């Protein structure tokens, strides 16, 4: 009974403090929210936005696919298949968990190496599955599609 009262009090304290701070988001969250606010709903869980340069999956419980605007139909098919494979496999959840582990063990270079290699393996595995599903004759077009989606980012692992 005593622990129940304590946990209820802690919950109410947390709720009160979170209401006190309101819906203040960190600058990064505000930036992402602004960028995705203009996204157009295309299909069930697929959105298109002119403010993004590369596709990605966002969300934990109901992941959504965000695509850059102006994609060719062939590129759109390949990219959607790739992102849907990520969702089906639960890659987004695994990546969040490993990122949390990396944050806890930030001082361990082997954890950073594991995170980088796991991310690369996930991408390569999805690419392999797309090529296997759509046929090996699409490899050239699929590779061109991937290269057109590359955004200028800092690569830790090549």
Foldseek 3Di string as FASTA:
>chain_A
DVVVVVVVVVVVVVVVVDVVVPPDDDPVVVVVCVQCVQWDDDDDQETEGQSDQAWDWDDQPRIHIYHYPDDDPVLVVLRVQLRVVCVVVVVVVVLVVLVVVCVVPVVDVVSVVVSLVVVVVSNVVSNVVSCVVVDVVCVVVSVVSVVSRDDDDDRPDD
